[in-house]
Amino acid sequence: MLGVSRLTNRALTSWLHGLPGVDQVGNEARAAGLGTRSIKTTSKAWAIDTAIGMIDLTTLEGSDTVGKVRSLCAKALVPDPLDPSTPRPAAVCVYGDMVATAKKALGDSGIHVASVATAFPSGRASLAVKLADTKHAVEAGADEIDMVIDRGAFLAGDYLTVFDQIAQVKQASGEAHLKVIMETGELITYDNVRRASYLSMLAGGDFIKTSTGKVSPAATLPVTLVMLEAVRDWRELTGVQVGVKPAGGIRTTKDAIKYLVMVSEVAGDDWLSPEWFRFGASSLLNDLLLQRQKLTTGAYSGADYVTLD
């Protein structure tokens, strides 16, 4: 693909910087336009259920306890105790030391356990530590690994280091799917987001993910637009489909629907499934449940209708 017999940083740099640049004004205008689409009635009901099924229900705090993780898993298993038809989230995302707790709580429900790894959220650790972190999570039962790239190496133009780390974490992940967190809020430009997306896919990532949720800005519509274009074009180029996960700052049903519209319009309906698109979120599920009940009963419930996470 790179036109070289041996992978070098020079070859990667030439290839990545040869990608078409992103028109900042045009990209932001298109994202804003897609965000104005009106979705109502049956389409809105479908969108709400689809969004619920795409959530990686997440807790990534230093204060996480076994009890909190069990409680989050219970919510994933039964999002709305008064409506058994409510879909379940795709996954529960936790730190590696909580994987075994989540795995046991979720049992054979089909809800995946995702674990952050590779010295999340900073990524500032040796490769040996990152690989050990990954292997520990996989051995504990993680179905998915959410790794962070070395943004310092990327911004310094050391693309080969970033590539090698992703490739080795992919190998260490075994059968677990690998989501590559680019921390787009630190990448500065849309061109860098596009380059990081291609680099992550070239190295073997199964998903590209916007953010850790610990840096502002986190997920945004314009950044996700660039990523959706990248996975669409990557499939056309290689035949390989890669997923997209915006994470951080997506809190309302209105926000989620904007992203679903963008997925359909930019990448295509093939990505409108939990296999290829996820929301990294903690509070989004609550708003989706309240909006779902509103469509069903015609009335809003109070805030105490949903649990606080």
Protein backbone atom coordinates (compact mmCIF):
# COMPACT_ATOMS: atom_id res chain seq x y z
CA MET A 1 0.00 0.00 0.00
CA LEU A 2 2.83 2.41 0.82
CA GLY A 3 4.84 1.38 -2.20
CA VAL A 4 7.88 0.31 -0.15
CA SER A 5 9.40 -3.04 0.75
CA ARG A 6 10.25 -2.02 4.33
CA LEU A 7 8.14 0.14 6.62
CA THR A 8 9.98 3.27 7.66
CA ASN A 9 9.00 6.52 9.29
CA ARG A 10 9.90 8.29 6.07
CA ALA A 11 7.52 6.12 4.08
CA LEU A 12 4.73 6.60 6.61
CA THR A 13 5.29 10.35 6.66
CA SER A 14 5.20 10.58 2.88
CA TRP A 15 2.00 8.53 2.70
CA LEU A 16 0.15 10.26 5.54
CA HIS A 17 1.08 13.74 4.39
CA GLY A 18 0.02 12.78 0.89
CA LEU A 19 -3.57 12.31 2.01
CA PRO A 20 -5.99 15.00 0.83
CA GLY A 21 -6.22 17.92 3.23
CA VAL A 22 -9.42 18.71 5.12
CA ASP A 23 -11.26 21.90 4.23
CA GLN A 24 -11.91 23.23 7.73
CA VAL A 25 -14.70 25.63 6.75
CA GLY A 26 -16.40 23.12 4.49
CA ASN A 27 -16.09 20.32 7.03
CA GLU A 28 -17.61 22.37 9.85
CA ALA A 29 -20.38 23.68 7.61
CA ARG A 30 -21.34 20.17 6.51
CA ALA A 31 -21.30 18.89 10.08
CA ALA A 32 -23.52 21.78 11.17
CA GLY A 33 -25.92 21.13 8.31
CA LEU A 34 -26.27 17.45 9.09
CA GLY A 35 -26.95 18.39 12.70
CA THR A 36 -30.10 20.30 11.72
CA ARG A 37 -31.99 17.29 10.31
CA SER A 38 -35.35 16.78 11.99
CA ILE A 39 -36.11 13.21 13.10
CA LYS A 40 -39.60 12.55 14.50
CA THR A 41 -42.19 9.91 15.43
CA THR A 42 -41.32 6.36 14.30
CA SER A 43 -37.92 7.41 13.00
CA LYS A 44 -37.10 8.99 16.36
CA ALA A 45 -38.21 5.85 18.20
CA TRP A 46 -35.94 3.76 15.96
CA ALA A 47 -33.06 6.17 16.50
CA ILE A 48 -33.45 6.06 20.29
CA ASP A 49 -33.44 2.26 20.41
CA THR A 50 -30.51 2.11 17.98
CA ALA A 51 -28.51 4.60 20.04
CA ILE A 52 -29.15 2.67 23.26
CA GLY A 53 -27.83 -0.47 21.60
CA MET A 54 -24.66 1.37 20.54
CA ILE A 55 -23.64 2.67 23.97
CA ASP A 56 -20.47 1.62 25.74
CA LEU A 57 -21.77 2.37 29.23
CA THR A 58 -18.71 3.75 30.92
CA THR A 59 -17.19 4.43 34.31
CA LEU A 60 -13.54 5.46 34.33
CA GLU A 61 -12.90 7.24 37.60
CA GLY A 62 -10.20 6.78 40.18
CA SER A 63 -13.00 6.42 42.74
CA ASP A 64 -14.61 3.42 40.98
CA THR A 65 -15.52 0.60 43.34
CA VAL A 66 -16.64 -2.98 42.87
CA GLY A 67 -20.11 -1.89 43.96
CA LYS A 68 -20.26 0.91 41.41
CA VAL A 69 -19.21 -1.39 38.58
CA ARG A 70 -21.77 -4.01 39.62
CA SER A 71 -24.43 -1.32 39.73
CA LEU A 72 -23.51 -0.13 36.24
CA CYS A 73 -23.67 -3.71 34.95
CA ALA A 74 -27.10 -4.15 36.54
CA LYS A 75 -28.26 -1.04 34.69
CA ALA A 76 -26.87 -2.39 31.44
CA LEU A 77 -28.74 -5.67 31.96
CA VAL A 78 -32.03 -3.92 32.78
CA PRO A 79 -31.91 -0.32 31.52
CA ASP A 80 -35.60 0.31 32.27
CA PRO A 81 -37.15 -2.03 34.87
CA LEU A 82 -40.65 -0.90 33.83
CA ASP A 83 -40.14 -1.70 30.15
CA PRO A 84 -38.52 -5.06 29.34
CA SER A 85 -38.55 -4.20 25.62
CA THR A 86 -35.81 -1.61 26.17
CA PRO A 87 -32.61 -2.56 24.30
CA ARG A 88 -29.40 -3.20 26.19
CA PRO A 89 -26.16 -1.25 25.66
CA ALA A 90 -23.46 -2.87 23.57
CA ALA A 91 -20.80 -2.92 26.29
CA VAL A 92 -19.72 -1.82 29.72
CA CYS A 93 -16.35 -0.02 29.70
CA VAL A 94 -14.15 -0.08 32.81
CA TYR A 95 -10.55 0.00 33.97
CA GLY A 96 -8.62 -3.25 33.64
CA ASP A 97 -8.75 -4.11 37.32
CA MET A 98 -12.56 -4.07 37.15
CA VAL A 99 -12.88 -6.35 34.13
CA ALA A 100 -13.36 -9.53 36.15
CA THR A 101 -16.06 -7.85 38.25
CA ALA A 102 -17.93 -6.67 35.15
CA LYS A 103 -17.51 -10.01 33.38
CA LYS A 104 -19.03 -11.87 36.31
CA ALA A 105 -21.90 -9.41 36.70
CA LEU A 106 -22.83 -9.50 33.01
CA GLY A 107 -22.56 -13.28 32.71
CA ASP A 108 -23.75 -14.69 29.40
CA SER A 109 -25.95 -11.67 28.61
CA GLY A 110 -24.09 -10.90 25.40
CA ILE A 111 -23.10 -7.45 26.67
CA HIS A 112 -19.40 -7.03 26.04
CA VAL A 113 -16.82 -5.92 28.57
CA ALA A 114 -14.51 -3.22 27.25
CA SER A 115 -11.35 -2.27 29.10
CA VAL A 116 -9.18 0.79 28.70
CA ALA A 117 -5.50 -0.02 28.57
CA THR A 118 -2.02 1.22 27.59
CA ALA A 119 -1.66 3.68 30.49
CA PHE A 120 -5.04 5.30 29.85
CA PRO A 121 -5.66 8.23 29.58
CA SER A 122 -2.18 9.73 29.06
CA GLY A 123 -0.50 6.85 27.26
CA ARG A 124 2.72 7.88 28.96
CA ALA A 125 4.35 4.56 29.73
CA SER A 126 6.84 2.17 28.19
CA LEU A 127 5.67 -0.26 25.54
CA ALA A 128 6.31 -3.14 27.96
CA VAL A 129 3.92 -1.58 30.48
CA LYS A 130 1.31 -0.94 27.79
CA LEU A 131 1.45 -4.52 26.58
CA ALA A 132 1.27 -5.88 30.15
CA ASP A 133 -1.73 -3.63 30.80
CA THR A 134 -3.44 -5.01 27.70
CA LYS A 135 -2.66 -8.66 28.45
CA HIS A 136 -3.93 -8.29 32.00
CA ALA A 137 -7.28 -7.00 30.77
CA VAL A 138 -7.60 -9.75 28.16
CA GLU A 139 -6.72 -12.46 30.68
CA ALA A 140 -9.41 -11.07 33.00
CA GLY A 141 -11.97 -11.53 30.24
CA ALA A 142 -12.13 -8.28 28.28
CA ASP A 143 -13.91 -8.61 24.95
CA GLU A 144 -12.68 -5.23 23.75
CA ILE A 145 -9.57 -3.15 24.40
CA ASP A 146 -9.63 0.66 24.21
CA MET A 147 -6.01 1.80 23.84
CA VAL A 148 -4.58 5.32 23.63
CA ILE A 149 -1.98 6.35 21.09
CA ASP A 150 1.22 8.16 21.98
CA ARG A 151 0.10 11.67 21.01
CA GLY A 152 3.54 13.07 21.75
CA ALA A 153 5.14 10.74 19.21
CA PHE A 154 2.42 11.45 16.68
CA LEU A 155 2.69 15.24 16.98
CA ALA A 156 6.49 14.96 16.72
CA GLY A 157 6.08 13.13 13.42
CA ASP A 158 7.29 9.79 14.80
CA TYR A 159 4.55 7.86 13.06
CA LEU A 160 6.46 4.59 13.03
CA THR A 161 6.49 4.46 16.84
CA VAL A 162 2.73 5.01 16.93
CA PHE A 163 2.22 2.35 14.24
CA ASP A 164 4.41 -0.20 16.02
CA GLN A 165 2.66 0.33 19.36
CA ILE A 166 -0.81 -0.08 17.85
CA ALA A 167 0.28 -3.20 15.97
CA GLN A 168 1.81 -4.79 19.07
CA VAL A 169 -1.20 -3.93 21.25
CA LYS A 170 -3.40 -5.47 18.55
CA GLN A 171 -1.37 -8.66 18.76
CA ALA A 172 -1.52 -8.63 22.56
CA SER A 173 -5.30 -8.19 22.40
CA GLY A 174 -5.75 -11.62 20.84
CA GLU A 175 -9.40 -12.18 19.99
CA ALA A 176 -10.51 -8.95 21.67
CA HIS A 177 -11.47 -6.10 19.35
CA LEU A 178 -9.12 -3.13 19.48
CA LYS A 179 -10.42 0.44 19.64
CA VAL A 180 -7.70 3.03 19.04
CA ILE A 181 -8.24 6.28 20.97
CA MET A 182 -6.62 9.17 19.12
CA GLU A 183 -7.50 11.91 21.66
CA THR A 184 -8.55 14.24 18.88
CA GLY A 185 -8.74 17.24 21.23
CA GLU A 186 -4.93 17.14 21.36
CA LEU A 187 -4.34 16.62 17.64
CA ILE A 188 -5.05 20.29 16.88
CA THR A 189 -6.05 20.02 13.19
CA TYR A 190 -8.51 18.04 11.11
CA ASP A 191 -5.61 17.00 8.88
CA ASN A 192 -4.00 15.36 11.91
CA VAL A 193 -7.28 13.61 12.75
CA ARG A 194 -7.39 12.20 9.23
CA ARG A 195 -3.74 11.09 9.42
CA ALA A 196 -4.21 9.50 12.84
CA SER A 197 -7.32 7.70 11.57
CA TYR A 198 -5.46 6.20 8.61
CA LEU A 199 -2.44 5.32 10.73
CA SER A 200 -4.65 3.56 13.28
CA MET A 201 -6.41 1.55 10.59
CA LEU A 202 -3.16 0.69 8.81
CA ALA A 203 -1.78 -0.69 12.08
CA GLY A 204 -4.78 -2.97 12.59
CA GLY A 205 -7.31 -1.08 14.73
CA ASP A 206 -10.83 -2.50 14.61
CA PHE A 207 -12.31 0.85 15.70
CA ILE A 208 -11.06 4.41 15.70
CA LYS A 209 -12.19 6.41 18.71
CA THR A 210 -12.17 10.15 19.30
CA SER A 211 -11.34 10.64 22.94
CA THR A 212 -10.64 9.44 26.44
CA GLY A 213 -13.29 11.79 27.82
CA LYS A 214 -10.58 13.34 29.99
CA VAL A 215 -9.55 16.08 27.54
CA SER A 216 -11.59 18.97 26.18
CA PRO A 217 -12.81 19.11 23.49
CA ALA A 218 -13.80 15.46 23.37
CA ALA A 219 -16.10 14.14 20.62
CA THR A 220 -17.37 16.74 18.16
CA LEU A 221 -19.44 16.41 15.01
CA PRO A 222 -16.78 17.87 12.67
CA VAL A 223 -14.08 15.53 14.00
CA THR A 224 -16.41 12.53 13.73
CA LEU A 225 -17.23 13.57 10.16
CA VAL A 226 -13.53 13.36 9.26
CA MET A 227 -13.30 9.93 10.88
CA LEU A 228 -16.41 8.62 9.12
CA GLU A 229 -15.02 9.75 5.78
CA ALA A 230 -11.79 7.96 6.63
CA VAL A 231 -13.42 4.60 7.41
CA ARG A 232 -15.64 4.88 4.33
CA ASP A 233 -12.67 5.57 2.07
CA TRP A 234 -10.57 2.91 3.83
CA ARG A 235 -13.15 0.24 2.99
CA GLU A 236 -13.19 1.37 -0.63
CA LEU A 237 -9.38 1.20 -0.69
CA THR A 238 -8.80 -2.08 1.19
CA GLY A 239 -12.15 -3.87 1.49
CA VAL A 240 -11.79 -3.78 5.30
CA GLN A 241 -14.52 -2.15 7.38
CA VAL A 242 -13.48 -0.32 10.56
CA GLY A 243 -15.77 1.04 13.28
CA VAL A 244 -16.01 4.53 14.75
CA LYS A 245 -16.57 5.52 18.39
CA PRO A 246 -17.14 9.14 19.44
CA ALA A 247 -16.68 9.43 23.19
CA GLY A 248 -17.00 12.19 25.75
CA GLY A 249 -19.52 15.00 25.92
CA ILE A 250 -22.42 13.19 24.21
CA ARG A 251 -25.17 13.51 26.78
CA THR A 252 -28.55 14.01 25.12
CA THR A 253 -30.83 12.18 22.73
CA LYS A 254 -30.63 15.15 20.38
CA ASP A 255 -26.83 14.81 20.33
CA ALA A 256 -26.97 11.07 19.64
CA ILE A 257 -29.43 11.46 16.78
CA LYS A 258 -27.16 14.03 15.11
CA TYR A 259 -24.39 11.45 15.11
CA LEU A 260 -26.66 8.73 13.68
CA VAL A 261 -27.72 11.03 10.85
CA MET A 262 -24.07 11.72 10.11
CA VAL A 263 -23.21 8.01 10.10
CA SER A 264 -25.97 7.32 7.56
CA GLU A 265 -25.16 10.28 5.34
CA VAL A 266 -21.35 10.06 5.37
CA ALA A 267 -20.26 6.43 5.88
CA GLY A 268 -23.52 4.70 4.99
CA ASP A 269 -26.12 2.52 6.64
CA ASP A 270 -23.65 -0.39 6.89
CA TRP A 271 -22.22 1.43 9.90
CA LEU A 272 -25.57 1.79 11.68
CA SER A 273 -25.05 -1.13 14.04
CA PRO A 274 -23.18 -1.69 17.33
CA GLU A 275 -20.66 -3.77 15.42
CA TRP A 276 -19.45 -0.64 13.61
CA PHE A 277 -20.53 2.39 15.63
CA ARG A 278 -20.49 3.06 19.36
CA PHE A 279 -21.07 5.93 21.75
CA GLY A 280 -18.68 6.19 24.68
CA ALA A 281 -20.93 7.66 27.36
CA SER A 282 -22.08 7.55 30.95
CA SER A 283 -25.06 9.91 31.17
CA LEU A 284 -26.41 9.53 27.61
CA LEU A 285 -28.39 6.40 28.48
CA ASN A 286 -30.47 8.26 31.06
CA ASP A 287 -31.67 10.87 28.59
CA LEU A 288 -32.42 8.23 25.96
CA LEU A 289 -34.53 6.30 28.50
CA LEU A 290 -36.48 9.44 29.43
CA GLN A 291 -37.10 10.32 25.78
CA ARG A 292 -38.12 6.73 25.05
CA GLN A 293 -40.68 6.81 27.82
CA LYS A 294 -41.99 10.15 26.53
CA LEU A 295 -42.64 8.60 23.12
CA THR A 296 -44.38 5.63 24.74
CA THR A 297 -46.55 7.39 27.33
CA GLY A 298 -46.73 10.97 26.06
CA ALA A 299 -45.38 12.36 29.32
CA TYR A 300 -41.93 13.03 30.73
CA SER A 301 -40.83 11.30 33.91
CA GLY A 302 -38.99 13.12 36.65
CA ALA A 303 -35.25 12.83 37.03
CA ASP A 304 -35.72 10.15 39.69
CA TYR A 305 -37.06 7.79 37.04
CA VAL A 306 -33.48 6.88 36.09
CA THR A 307 -30.53 5.94 38.25
CA LEU A 308 -27.60 8.24 38.85
CA ASP A 309 -24.34 6.69 37.65
